[in-house]
Amino acid sequence: MNLGKFLTHIGIAVVTVLATNLSLQASDLGPEVVLKATYLGLRQVDSTRSNPKVRWNVPNGVSSPCGRVSGSLYCTRNNTIYITNQHIQMAYRYGDAALAYILAHEYSHAAQTIGGFTPKNITKIELQADCLAGFYMGAMPNVTFDQQDIKQIAAIAYQVGDYEFNNRQHHGTPKQRAQAVLLGFQASQQNGIVACQIR
């Protein structure tokens, strides 16, 4: 199933986000503005109070306490999120909301760690982080995500999915990843964070 058919199939129009202050729409905002606004919103919504530090525009190959950075990640050893310049560039192929998703996904790993609700395998961990990212973004009091933003987010989540079922690092199929983040958005307006519980 291609991305266009998938997005139509899932009915993104079902997700409606409450209007607030900053809108990630119309013309794209720069990475620093998007990351600062998203981080502020994440901290306002997150009940675990994980408060990780954020380093952005990090080149691949930089050393961290968790090893070499080869993509955006959350490092438990220093409670820091690393957002790579490569992932910033990839996000802007979709739009600024896609960058908000990358930060929200990594922030969700911090919340999983601090909150102690990490599932047992990598695929479930990643899908839960996608769901939590959607929930956090949908619940932010300072940022509005319109239908176009939500399509950008679903598109990048779909793009980063994989079919490497025999790989221990399998993060979920494209469809699973997009569905997880959309479930989180929907949960932020309906049944709450409990929708992201995965065992």
C-alpha atoms as a PDB file:
ATOM      1  CA  MET A   1       0.000   0.000   0.000  1.00  0.00           C
ATOM      2  CA  ASN A   2       1.549   3.337  -0.964  1.00  0.00           C
ATOM      3  CA  LEU A   3       1.665   6.307   1.388  1.00  0.00           C
ATOM      4  CA  GLY A   4      -1.053   8.329  -0.361  1.00  0.00           C
ATOM      5  CA  LYS A   5      -3.507   5.434  -0.262  1.00  0.00           C
ATOM      6  CA  PHE A   6      -2.555   4.694   3.331  1.00  0.00           C
ATOM      7  CA  LEU A   7      -3.164   8.265   4.485  1.00  0.00           C
ATOM      8  CA  THR A   8      -6.516   8.331   2.730  1.00  0.00           C
ATOM      9  CA  HIS A   9      -7.366   4.894   4.117  1.00  0.00           C
ATOM     10  CA  ILE A  10      -6.758   5.833   7.735  1.00  0.00           C
ATOM     11  CA  GLY A  11      -8.852   8.935   7.560  1.00  0.00           C
ATOM     12  CA  ILE A  12      -6.550  11.570   8.933  1.00  0.00           C
ATOM     13  CA  ALA A  13      -9.492  13.956   8.970  1.00  0.00           C
ATOM     14  CA  VAL A  14     -10.723  12.089  12.067  1.00  0.00           C
ATOM     15  CA  VAL A  15      -7.968  13.724  14.099  1.00  0.00           C
ATOM     16  CA  THR A  16      -8.842  17.250  15.198  1.00  0.00           C
ATOM     17  CA  VAL A  17      -6.468  19.191  17.386  1.00  0.00           C
ATOM     18  CA  LEU A  18      -7.569  22.089  19.572  1.00  0.00           C
ATOM     19  CA  ALA A  19      -6.420  25.517  18.440  1.00  0.00           C
ATOM     20  CA  THR A  20      -3.889  27.253  20.677  1.00  0.00           C
ATOM     21  CA  ASN A  21      -1.026  29.717  20.295  1.00  0.00           C
ATOM     22  CA  LEU A  22       1.678  28.682  17.831  1.00  0.00           C
ATOM     23  CA  SER A  23       0.687  27.104  14.543  1.00  0.00           C
ATOM     24  CA  LEU A  24       3.098  24.880  12.635  1.00  0.00           C
ATOM     25  CA  GLN A  25       1.475  25.567   9.286  1.00  0.00           C
ATOM     26  CA  ALA A  26       1.466  27.863   6.262  1.00  0.00           C
ATOM     27  CA  SER A  27       5.185  28.544   5.786  1.00  0.00           C
ATOM     28  CA  ASP A  28       7.670  26.346   7.574  1.00  0.00           C
ATOM     29  CA  LEU A  29       9.254  27.672  10.723  1.00  0.00           C
ATOM     30  CA  GLY A  30      12.995  27.258  11.256  1.00  0.00           C
ATOM     31  CA  PRO A  31      14.372  24.288  13.211  1.00  0.00           C
ATOM     32  CA  GLU A  32      15.301  26.288  16.316  1.00  0.00           C
ATOM     33  CA  VAL A  33      11.788  27.771  16.618  1.00  0.00           C
ATOM     34  CA  VAL A  34      10.141  24.378  16.040  1.00  0.00           C
ATOM     35  CA  LEU A  35      12.387  22.583  18.528  1.00  0.00           C
ATOM     36  CA  LYS A  36      11.994  25.233  21.248  1.00  0.00           C
ATOM     37  CA  ALA A  37       8.204  25.425  20.894  1.00  0.00           C
ATOM     38  CA  THR A  38       7.860  21.645  20.760  1.00  0.00           C
ATOM     39  CA  TYR A  39      10.134  21.119  23.760  1.00  0.00           C
ATOM     40  CA  LEU A  40       8.176  23.662  25.792  1.00  0.00           C
ATOM     41  CA  GLY A  41       4.929  21.902  24.865  1.00  0.00           C
ATOM     42  CA  LEU A  42       6.323  18.467  25.687  1.00  0.00           C
ATOM     43  CA  ARG A  43       7.426  19.625  29.121  1.00  0.00           C
ATOM     44  CA  GLN A  44       3.991  21.117  29.794  1.00  0.00           C
ATOM     45  CA  VAL A  45       2.216  17.853  28.911  1.00  0.00           C
ATOM     46  CA  ASP A  46       4.645  15.243  30.272  1.00  0.00           C
ATOM     47  CA  SER A  47       3.646  14.032  33.717  1.00  0.00           C
ATOM     48  CA  THR A  48       6.895  12.051  34.197  1.00  0.00           C
ATOM     49  CA  ARG A  49       8.899  15.300  34.265  1.00  0.00           C
ATOM     50  CA  SER A  50      11.766  13.638  32.439  1.00  0.00           C
ATOM     51  CA  ASN A  51      13.127  17.024  31.266  1.00  0.00           C
ATOM     52  CA  PRO A  52      15.921  15.719  29.043  1.00  0.00           C
ATOM     53  CA  LYS A  53      18.454  18.142  27.608  1.00  0.00           C
ATOM     54  CA  VAL A  54      18.316  18.602  23.816  1.00  0.00           C
ATOM     55  CA  ARG A  55      21.296  18.924  21.479  1.00  0.00           C
ATOM     56  CA  TRP A  56      20.334  19.628  17.915  1.00  0.00           C
ATOM     57  CA  ASN A  57      22.048  19.928  14.546  1.00  0.00           C
ATOM     58  CA  VAL A  58      24.422  17.200  15.724  1.00  0.00           C
ATOM     59  CA  PRO A  59      26.555  15.632  12.972  1.00  0.00           C
ATOM     60  CA  ASN A  60      26.441  11.851  12.595  1.00  0.00           C
ATOM     61  CA  GLY A  61      29.458  10.216  14.196  1.00  0.00           C
ATOM     62  CA  VAL A  62      29.651  12.513  17.223  1.00  0.00           C
ATOM     63  CA  SER A  63      30.527  10.696  20.416  1.00  0.00           C
ATOM     64  CA  SER A  64      27.977  10.468  23.236  1.00  0.00           C
ATOM     65  CA  PRO A  65      27.886   8.517  26.514  1.00  0.00           C
ATOM     66  CA  CYS A  66      25.678   6.038  24.611  1.00  0.00           C
ATOM     67  CA  GLY A  67      28.192   5.581  21.787  1.00  0.00           C
ATOM     68  CA  ARG A  68      28.511   7.165  18.365  1.00  0.00           C
ATOM     69  CA  VAL A  69      25.459   9.110  17.226  1.00  0.00           C
ATOM     70  CA  SER A  70      24.265   7.658  13.918  1.00  0.00           C
ATOM     71  CA  GLY A  71      20.769   9.156  14.005  1.00  0.00           C
ATOM     72  CA  SER A  72      18.541  11.067  16.387  1.00  0.00           C
ATOM     73  CA  LEU A  73      18.335   9.341  19.758  1.00  0.00           C
ATOM     74  CA  TYR A  74      17.664   9.633  23.452  1.00  0.00           C
ATOM     75  CA  CYS A  75      20.679   8.744  25.592  1.00  0.00           C
ATOM     76  CA  THR A  76      19.731   7.421  29.029  1.00  0.00           C
ATOM     77  CA  ARG A  77      23.257   7.868  30.394  1.00  0.00           C
ATOM     78  CA  ASN A  78      23.141  11.668  30.290  1.00  0.00           C
ATOM     79  CA  ASN A  79      19.374  12.239  29.855  1.00  0.00           C
ATOM     80  CA  THR A  80      19.999  13.977  26.531  1.00  0.00           C
ATOM     81  CA  ILE A  81      18.200  13.940  23.191  1.00  0.00           C
ATOM     82  CA  TYR A  82      20.431  14.223  20.130  1.00  0.00           C
ATOM     83  CA  ILE A  83      18.733  15.524  16.967  1.00  0.00           C
ATOM     84  CA  THR A  84      21.034  15.044  13.984  1.00  0.00           C
ATOM     85  CA  ASN A  85      21.410  17.547  11.160  1.00  0.00           C
ATOM     86  CA  GLN A  86      20.668  14.670   8.779  1.00  0.00           C
ATOM     87  CA  HIS A  87      17.292  14.088  10.457  1.00  0.00           C
ATOM     88  CA  ILE A  88      16.519  17.827  10.432  1.00  0.00           C
ATOM     89  CA  GLN A  89      17.109  17.857   6.677  1.00  0.00           C
ATOM     90  CA  MET A  90      15.001  14.707   6.239  1.00  0.00           C
ATOM     91  CA  ALA A  91      12.171  16.227   8.320  1.00  0.00           C
ATOM     92  CA  TYR A  92      12.017  19.370   6.196  1.00  0.00           C
ATOM     93  CA  ARG A  93      11.373  17.257   3.113  1.00  0.00           C
ATOM     94  CA  TYR A  94       7.966  16.764   4.763  1.00  0.00           C
ATOM     95  CA  GLY A  95       7.680  20.053   6.697  1.00  0.00           C
ATOM     96  CA  ASP A  96       8.342  21.592  10.094  1.00  0.00           C
ATOM     97  CA  ALA A  97       5.755  19.402  11.855  1.00  0.00           C
ATOM     98  CA  ALA A  98       7.870  16.375  10.890  1.00  0.00           C
ATOM     99  CA  LEU A  99      10.729  17.835  12.954  1.00  0.00           C
ATOM    100  CA  ALA A 100       8.351  18.260  15.904  1.00  0.00           C
ATOM    101  CA  TYR A 101       7.568  14.529  15.556  1.00  0.00           C
ATOM    102  CA  ILE A 102      11.263  13.555  15.673  1.00  0.00           C
ATOM    103  CA  LEU A 103      11.767  15.516  18.895  1.00  0.00           C
ATOM    104  CA  ALA A 104       8.495  14.232  20.406  1.00  0.00           C
ATOM    105  CA  HIS A 105       9.439  10.625  19.560  1.00  0.00           C
ATOM    106  CA  GLU A 106      12.844  10.911  21.262  1.00  0.00           C
ATOM    107  CA  TYR A 107      11.305  12.792  24.199  1.00  0.00           C
ATOM    108  CA  SER A 108       8.874   9.879  24.534  1.00  0.00           C
ATOM    109  CA  HIS A 109      11.826   7.536  25.045  1.00  0.00           C
ATOM    110  CA  ALA A 110      12.888   9.736  27.970  1.00  0.00           C
ATOM    111  CA  ALA A 111       9.354   9.558  29.379  1.00  0.00           C
ATOM    112  CA  GLN A 112       9.339   5.764  28.938  1.00  0.00           C
ATOM    113  CA  THR A 113      12.611   5.496  30.862  1.00  0.00           C
ATOM    114  CA  ILE A 114      11.744   7.907  33.671  1.00  0.00           C
ATOM    115  CA  GLY A 115       8.157   6.690  33.950  1.00  0.00           C
ATOM    116  CA  GLY A 116       9.185   3.040  33.971  1.00  0.00           C
ATOM    117  CA  PHE A 117       6.692   1.974  31.325  1.00  0.00           C
ATOM    118  CA  THR A 118       8.998   0.561  28.708  1.00  0.00           C
ATOM    119  CA  PRO A 119       7.719  -2.537  26.859  1.00  0.00           C
ATOM    120  CA  LYS A 120       9.906  -5.619  26.572  1.00  0.00           C
ATOM    121  CA  ASN A 121      11.003  -5.540  22.895  1.00  0.00           C
ATOM    122  CA  ILE A 122      12.372  -2.883  20.554  1.00  0.00           C
ATOM    123  CA  THR A 123       9.402  -2.897  18.173  1.00  0.00           C
ATOM    124  CA  LYS A 124       6.936  -2.319  21.004  1.00  0.00           C
ATOM    125  CA  ILE A 125       9.186   0.331  22.561  1.00  0.00           C
ATOM    126  CA  GLU A 126       9.327   2.242  19.272  1.00  0.00           C
ATOM    127  CA  LEU A 127       5.601   1.946  18.529  1.00  0.00           C
ATOM    128  CA  GLN A 128       4.768   3.104  22.042  1.00  0.00           C
ATOM    129  CA  ALA A 129       7.138   6.066  21.605  1.00  0.00           C
ATOM    130  CA  ASP A 130       5.311   6.919  18.368  1.00  0.00           C
ATOM    131  CA  CYS A 131       1.960   6.758  20.152  1.00  0.00           C
ATOM    132  CA  LEU A 132       3.248   8.866  23.045  1.00  0.00           C
ATOM    133  CA  ALA A 133       4.701  11.385  20.568  1.00  0.00           C
ATOM    134  CA  GLY A 134       1.280  11.735  18.946  1.00  0.00           C
ATOM    135  CA  PHE A 135      -0.395  12.063  22.332  1.00  0.00           C
ATOM    136  CA  TYR A 136       2.050  14.720  23.532  1.00  0.00           C
ATOM    137  CA  MET A 137       1.835  16.717  20.301  1.00  0.00           C
ATOM    138  CA  GLY A 138      -1.959  16.589  20.318  1.00  0.00           C
ATOM    139  CA  ALA A 139      -2.140  17.699  23.954  1.00  0.00           C
ATOM    140  CA  MET A 140       0.368  20.579  23.768  1.00  0.00           C
ATOM    141  CA  PRO A 141      -1.203  23.802  25.011  1.00  0.00           C
ATOM    142  CA  ASN A 142       1.144  26.052  23.017  1.00  0.00           C
ATOM    143  CA  VAL A 143       1.178  24.442  19.546  1.00  0.00           C
ATOM    144  CA  THR A 144      -1.529  23.761  16.971  1.00  0.00           C
ATOM    145  CA  PHE A 145      -1.169  20.964  14.431  1.00  0.00           C
ATOM    146  CA  ASP A 146      -3.556  21.354  11.504  1.00  0.00           C
ATOM    147  CA  GLN A 147      -4.543  18.595   9.056  1.00  0.00           C
ATOM    148  CA  GLN A 148      -1.529  19.333   6.817  1.00  0.00           C
ATOM    149  CA  ASP A 149       0.839  19.102   9.809  1.00  0.00           C
ATOM    150  CA  ILE A 150      -0.687  15.785  10.859  1.00  0.00           C
ATOM    151  CA  LYS A 151      -0.227  14.470   7.302  1.00  0.00           C
ATOM    152  CA  GLN A 152       3.457  15.509   7.476  1.00  0.00           C
ATOM    153  CA  ILE A 153       3.841  13.683  10.779  1.00  0.00           C
ATOM    154  CA  ALA A 154       2.119  10.534   9.506  1.00  0.00           C
ATOM    155  CA  ALA A 155       4.218  10.674   6.328  1.00  0.00           C
ATOM    156  CA  ILE A 156       7.554  10.828   8.150  1.00  0.00           C
ATOM    157  CA  ALA A 157       6.464   8.135  10.623  1.00  0.00           C
ATOM    158  CA  TYR A 158       5.535   5.976   7.631  1.00  0.00           C
ATOM    159  CA  GLN A 159       8.892   6.750   5.978  1.00  0.00           C
ATOM    160  CA  VAL A 160      10.961   5.649   8.987  1.00  0.00           C
ATOM    161  CA  GLY A 161       9.168   2.315   9.309  1.00  0.00           C
ATOM    162  CA  ASP A 162      10.921  -0.853   8.176  1.00  0.00           C
ATOM    163  CA  TYR A 163      10.238  -4.451   7.215  1.00  0.00           C
ATOM    164  CA  GLU A 164      13.316  -5.939   8.895  1.00  0.00           C
ATOM    165  CA  PHE A 165      11.338  -8.472  10.922  1.00  0.00           C
ATOM    166  CA  ASN A 166      14.410 -10.625  11.667  1.00  0.00           C
ATOM    167  CA  ASN A 167      16.451  -7.683  12.920  1.00  0.00           C
ATOM    168  CA  ARG A 168      16.408  -7.120  16.697  1.00  0.00           C
ATOM    169  CA  GLN A 169      16.278  -3.379  15.939  1.00  0.00           C
ATOM    170  CA  HIS A 170      13.044  -3.659  13.901  1.00  0.00           C
ATOM    171  CA  HIS A 171      11.105  -0.474  14.789  1.00  0.00           C
ATOM    172  CA  GLY A 172       7.764  -1.389  13.210  1.00  0.00           C
ATOM    173  CA  THR A 173       6.404  -1.376   9.666  1.00  0.00           C
ATOM    174  CA  PRO A 174       5.626   1.916   7.928  1.00  0.00           C
ATOM    175  CA  LYS A 175       1.904   1.358   8.475  1.00  0.00           C
ATOM    176  CA  GLN A 176       2.362   0.463  12.164  1.00  0.00           C
ATOM    177  CA  ARG A 177       4.445   3.569  12.830  1.00  0.00           C
ATOM    178  CA  ALA A 178       2.014   5.942  11.134  1.00  0.00           C
ATOM    179  CA  GLN A 179      -0.949   4.293  12.848  1.00  0.00           C
ATOM    180  CA  ALA A 180       0.750   4.521  16.260  1.00  0.00           C
ATOM    181  CA  VAL A 181       1.393   8.262  16.023  1.00  0.00           C
ATOM    182  CA  LEU A 182      -2.144   8.892  14.740  1.00  0.00           C
ATOM    183  CA  LEU A 183      -3.550   6.802  17.588  1.00  0.00           C
ATOM    184  CA  GLY A 184      -1.661   9.070  19.983  1.00  0.00           C
ATOM    185  CA  PHE A 185      -3.124  12.207  18.390  1.00  0.00           C
ATOM    186  CA  GLN A 186      -6.598  10.733  18.632  1.00  0.00           C
ATOM    187  CA  ALA A 187      -6.027   9.668  22.253  1.00  0.00           C
ATOM    188  CA  SER A 188      -5.011  13.219  23.178  1.00  0.00           C
ATOM    189  CA  GLN A 189      -8.545  14.332  22.319  1.00  0.00           C
ATOM    190  CA  GLN A 190     -10.486  11.259  23.447  1.00  0.00           C
ATOM    191  CA  ASN A 191      -9.458   8.492  25.826  1.00  0.00           C
ATOM    192  CA  GLY A 192      -6.093   9.795  27.042  1.00  0.00           C
ATOM    193  CA  ILE A 193      -2.584   8.401  27.344  1.00  0.00           C
ATOM    194  CA  VAL A 194      -3.872   4.951  28.361  1.00  0.00           C
ATOM    195  CA  ALA A 195      -4.315   4.291  24.624  1.00  0.00           C
ATOM    196  CA  CYS A 196      -0.503   4.098  24.388  1.00  0.00           C
ATOM    197  CA  GLN A 197      -0.160   1.276  26.930  1.00  0.00           C
ATOM    198  CA  ILE A 198       1.692  -1.588  25.305  1.00  0.00           C
ATOM    199  CA  ARG A 199       3.044  -4.616  27.121  1.00  0.00           C
END
